[in-house]
Amino acid sequence: MKVAGLWSSGKDSCFACYKAVSMGHDLSLLFNFTEPAGKNSLSHGLSAPLILKQAQLSGIPMVQKAMPQAGESYRDEFKALIRDWKKKEDIAGIVFGDIYLKEHKEWIDSVCRQAQVEPVMPLWGRDTKELILEIIDSGFKAMVVAVKADLLGKEWLGRIIDRKFIEELKPEIDPCGEKGEFHTLVVDGPMFKEPIKILEAQPVLRESLGKHWFLDIKKYA
C-alpha cells in the first residue's frame, strides 16, 4: 500500500515508518507540521530546516505545513492535507507512531475514516520497554531534545537513548516517553545515508504549555 508517514523527527514516528516499510508498504512521503509561523516544529520545537535535512538524509520527500496548535481547526487542516495528497499521489494510508494512548487512537481512527485512508500503526499495543530496546538494537540513535521540567532536568538534554538512559529513568516515566515526558530527534539509523552532527546547542526553558526544557540547536551538519 502507498503510504505517507506522520513525521515528528523523533524515534517513534521514525521507527514506525521503518517498520511500515519492512511490512511491505511503499513509504512515498513524509508529513511534518510546524507551528503557525512556520519556523519550528509543532511537536518538538526544533527548527523546520533541521527536520528537512533529516528527511533529505532519509531520501524520502517531505511536506512541511504550518498548522494550528490543536482543536477542530487542526483536525480540519489535517483531513484536508490527507485528502489533497490522496488525490495527488494516490496515498492510501498514513503511518502513525502512537503506542498506547487510547484517546490518540480514537482521534486517528476518526480522521482517517473521514479522509478515507487506512491508519497504519506498527507500534500500537507494544510493551514500551521492549519497544525502546528494539529501537536501540535496530541501530537508531535518538537524542533527547525536550523534557518536562518537573520530571527531568536540563542535564538530560542531548543524551542519546541507550540502555544506560533507560535504566536511569524514574519508574513513573515511560521508557518511550509516550506521555510526553521527553521528546527526541533521531540523528542516525538504518533509514539515513549519514548521521546528523549536532555542533552547537544550549538548554532553554519554555513555559508556553507547561514548563519544558528544550535543546536549542544552533549549528548542525
Protein backbone atom coordinates (compact mmCIF):
# COMPACT_ATOMS: atom_id res chain seq x y z
CA MET A 1 0.00 0.00 0.00
CA LYS A 2 1.21 3.50 -0.80
CA VAL A 3 1.51 5.42 2.46
CA ALA A 4 2.65 8.74 3.93
CA GLY A 5 4.35 8.91 7.31
CA LEU A 6 3.42 11.41 10.01
CA TRP A 7 6.94 12.53 10.95
CA SER A 8 7.77 14.44 14.14
CA SER A 9 11.55 13.80 13.79
CA GLY A 10 11.50 11.62 16.92
CA LYS A 11 12.18 7.94 17.49
CA ASP A 12 8.59 6.67 17.50
CA SER A 13 7.47 8.25 14.22
CA CYS A 14 10.79 7.31 12.62
CA PHE A 15 10.67 3.69 13.78
CA ALA A 16 7.01 3.37 12.79
CA CYS A 17 7.93 4.42 9.25
CA TYR A 18 10.85 1.97 9.28
CA LYS A 19 8.54 -0.84 10.39
CA ALA A 20 5.89 0.11 7.82
CA VAL A 21 8.47 -0.32 5.05
CA SER A 22 9.51 -3.70 6.48
CA MET A 23 5.83 -4.70 6.37
CA GLY A 24 5.86 -4.06 2.63
CA HIS A 25 4.27 -0.62 2.44
CA ASP A 26 5.51 1.96 -0.09
CA LEU A 27 6.53 4.94 2.06
CA SER A 28 6.49 7.69 -0.56
CA LEU A 29 6.03 10.84 1.51
CA LEU A 30 6.54 12.34 4.97
CA PHE A 31 4.33 14.96 6.64
CA ASN A 32 5.87 17.31 9.22
CA PHE A 33 3.88 20.02 10.96
CA THR A 34 5.24 23.35 12.14
CA GLU A 35 3.77 25.98 14.43
CA PRO A 36 1.75 28.71 12.67
CA ALA A 37 4.79 30.93 11.99
CA GLY A 38 6.48 28.02 10.19
CA LYS A 39 9.85 28.35 11.95
CA ASN A 40 9.76 25.43 14.41
CA SER A 41 8.15 22.00 14.52
CA LEU A 42 4.78 21.80 16.24
CA SER A 43 5.64 18.85 18.47
CA HIS A 44 9.32 19.14 19.44
CA GLY A 45 10.19 22.81 18.94
CA LEU A 46 13.01 22.01 16.50
CA SER A 47 13.81 24.24 13.55
CA ALA A 48 11.99 23.38 10.34
CA PRO A 49 15.22 23.36 8.27
CA LEU A 50 16.78 20.80 10.64
CA ILE A 51 13.86 18.42 10.13
CA LEU A 52 14.03 18.96 6.37
CA LYS A 53 17.69 17.95 6.49
CA GLN A 54 16.75 14.84 8.42
CA ALA A 55 14.23 13.93 5.72
CA GLN A 56 16.77 14.57 2.97
CA LEU A 57 19.15 12.10 4.64
CA SER A 58 16.35 9.51 4.52
CA GLY A 59 15.79 10.11 0.81
CA ILE A 60 12.02 10.40 1.33
CA PRO A 61 10.25 13.57 0.13
CA MET A 62 8.80 15.71 2.94
CA VAL A 63 5.88 18.11 3.02
CA GLN A 64 6.08 20.67 5.82
CA LYS A 65 2.92 22.51 6.71
CA ALA A 66 2.14 25.21 9.28
CA MET A 67 -0.73 24.05 11.47
CA PRO A 68 -2.95 25.37 14.27
CA GLN A 69 -1.91 24.20 17.76
CA ALA A 70 -4.96 21.99 18.36
CA GLY A 71 -8.74 21.72 18.22
CA GLU A 72 -11.20 21.49 15.34
CA SER A 73 -9.14 23.77 13.10
CA TYR A 74 -6.18 21.37 13.41
CA ARG A 75 -8.44 18.41 12.66
CA ASP A 76 -9.89 20.11 9.56
CA GLU A 77 -6.45 21.11 8.25
CA PHE A 78 -5.17 17.58 8.83
CA LYS A 79 -8.01 15.96 6.90
CA ALA A 80 -7.69 18.50 4.07
CA LEU A 81 -3.98 17.73 3.73
CA ILE A 82 -4.57 13.99 3.57
CA ARG A 83 -7.34 14.35 1.00
CA ASP A 84 -5.16 16.62 -1.11
CA TRP A 85 -2.27 14.17 -1.25
CA LYS A 86 -4.60 11.23 -1.72
CA LYS A 87 -5.66 12.90 -4.96
CA LYS A 88 -2.13 13.97 -5.95
CA GLU A 89 -0.21 10.79 -5.17
CA ASP A 90 -2.87 8.14 -4.55
CA ILE A 91 -1.88 7.87 -0.88
CA ALA A 92 -3.96 5.09 0.67
CA GLY A 93 -2.65 5.04 4.26
CA ILE A 94 -0.99 7.18 6.93
CA VAL A 95 1.70 5.85 9.28
CA PHE A 96 1.48 6.87 12.95
CA GLY A 97 3.97 6.22 15.76
CA ASP A 98 1.45 6.07 18.62
CA ILE A 99 1.83 3.22 21.11
CA TYR A 100 -0.96 3.00 23.68
CA LEU A 101 -2.85 6.24 24.41
CA LYS A 102 -6.45 5.32 23.68
CA GLU A 103 -7.61 8.90 23.02
CA HIS A 104 -4.93 9.25 20.34
CA LYS A 105 -6.07 6.10 18.54
CA GLU A 106 -9.70 7.17 18.67
CA TRP A 107 -8.74 10.51 17.07
CA ILE A 108 -6.62 8.76 14.42
CA ASP A 109 -9.33 6.23 13.55
CA SER A 110 -11.91 9.01 13.25
CA VAL A 111 -9.94 11.37 10.99
CA CYS A 112 -8.62 8.56 8.78
CA ARG A 113 -12.12 7.18 8.34
CA GLN A 114 -13.39 10.63 7.34
CA ALA A 115 -10.45 11.15 4.96
CA GLN A 116 -10.92 7.62 3.58
CA VAL A 117 -7.40 6.38 4.23
CA GLU A 118 -6.15 3.50 6.35
CA PRO A 119 -4.25 4.18 9.60
CA VAL A 120 -1.02 2.18 9.77
CA MET A 121 0.16 1.80 13.37
CA PRO A 122 3.10 -0.64 13.58
CA LEU A 123 3.91 0.24 17.21
CA TRP A 124 0.39 0.09 18.60
CA GLY A 125 -0.03 -2.10 21.68
CA ARG A 126 3.66 -2.81 22.11
CA ASP A 127 5.27 -3.04 25.54
CA THR A 128 7.26 0.20 25.69
CA LYS A 129 10.29 -1.33 27.45
CA GLU A 130 10.58 -3.99 24.76
CA LEU A 131 9.95 -1.43 22.04
CA ILE A 132 12.63 1.04 23.11
CA LEU A 133 15.18 -1.79 23.29
CA GLU A 134 14.21 -2.87 19.77
CA ILE A 135 14.68 0.70 18.53
CA ILE A 136 18.13 0.82 20.12
CA ASP A 137 19.11 -2.64 18.85
CA SER A 138 17.95 -1.74 15.31
CA GLY A 139 20.65 0.93 15.18
CA PHE A 140 18.62 4.09 15.67
CA LYS A 141 20.27 6.86 17.68
CA ALA A 142 17.77 9.26 19.22
CA MET A 143 18.91 12.39 21.06
CA VAL A 144 16.78 13.91 23.82
CA VAL A 145 15.71 17.39 22.73
CA ALA A 146 12.88 18.20 25.18
CA VAL A 147 11.86 17.13 28.70
CA LYS A 148 9.11 18.00 31.14
CA ALA A 149 10.88 20.16 33.70
CA ASP A 150 9.02 18.68 36.68
CA LEU A 151 10.22 15.17 35.77
CA LEU A 152 13.65 15.57 34.18
CA GLY A 153 16.32 18.25 34.45
CA LYS A 154 18.14 20.02 31.65
CA GLU A 155 21.11 17.65 32.11
CA TRP A 156 19.09 15.02 30.23
CA LEU A 157 19.08 17.15 27.08
CA GLY A 158 21.49 15.99 24.39
CA ARG A 159 21.72 12.44 25.71
CA ILE A 160 21.49 9.55 23.27
CA ILE A 161 18.90 6.99 24.30
CA ASP A 162 20.67 3.76 25.17
CA ARG A 163 20.34 1.07 27.81
CA LYS A 164 22.01 3.25 30.44
CA PHE A 165 19.48 6.02 29.75
CA ILE A 166 16.57 3.60 30.19
CA GLU A 167 18.00 2.20 33.43
CA GLU A 168 18.35 5.70 34.92
CA LEU A 169 14.75 6.79 34.25
CA LYS A 170 12.43 7.08 37.22
CA PRO A 171 9.87 4.25 37.41
CA GLU A 172 7.00 6.66 36.72
CA ILE A 173 8.50 7.73 33.38
CA ASP A 174 7.52 5.67 30.36
CA PRO A 175 10.61 4.20 28.62
CA CYS A 176 9.37 5.63 25.31
CA GLY A 177 8.16 8.92 26.81
CA GLU A 178 4.72 8.11 25.44
CA LYS A 179 3.01 10.58 27.79
CA GLY A 180 5.26 13.44 26.68
CA GLU A 181 7.86 13.04 29.43
CA PHE A 182 10.60 13.57 26.86
CA HIS A 183 10.98 14.04 23.11
CA THR A 184 13.76 13.07 20.74
CA LEU A 185 15.48 13.82 17.45
CA VAL A 186 16.76 10.81 15.51
CA VAL A 187 20.32 11.65 14.46
CA ASP A 188 21.32 8.32 12.90
CA GLY A 189 19.97 4.94 11.93
CA PRO A 190 19.34 2.47 9.12
CA MET A 191 16.96 4.86 7.33
CA PHE A 192 19.66 7.55 6.89
CA LYS A 193 22.53 7.97 4.45
CA GLU A 194 24.70 9.56 7.14
CA PRO A 195 24.27 10.90 10.69
CA ILE A 196 23.29 14.43 11.66
CA LYS A 197 26.04 16.07 13.69
CA ILE A 198 24.93 18.49 16.40
CA LEU A 199 27.70 21.11 16.65
CA GLU A 200 26.23 23.75 18.99
CA ALA A 201 23.21 23.67 21.28
CA GLN A 202 22.01 25.10 24.57
CA PRO A 203 19.16 24.40 27.02
CA VAL A 204 16.19 26.77 27.03
CA LEU A 205 13.27 26.76 29.49
CA ARG A 206 9.89 27.45 27.91
CA GLU A 207 6.59 27.73 29.75
CA SER A 208 4.00 28.12 26.99
CA LEU A 209 2.49 24.63 27.51
CA GLY A 210 3.83 23.86 30.97
CA LYS A 211 7.49 24.04 31.89
CA HIS A 212 9.72 22.20 29.43
CA TRP A 213 13.45 22.23 28.86
CA PHE A 214 14.26 22.33 25.14
CA LEU A 215 17.57 21.81 23.39
CA ASP A 216 18.00 24.89 21.20
CA ILE A 217 20.15 23.56 18.37
CA LYS A 218 22.19 26.40 16.88
CA LYS A 219 24.53 24.58 14.47
CA TYR A 220 24.45 21.17 12.84
CA ALA A 221 25.92 19.37 9.86
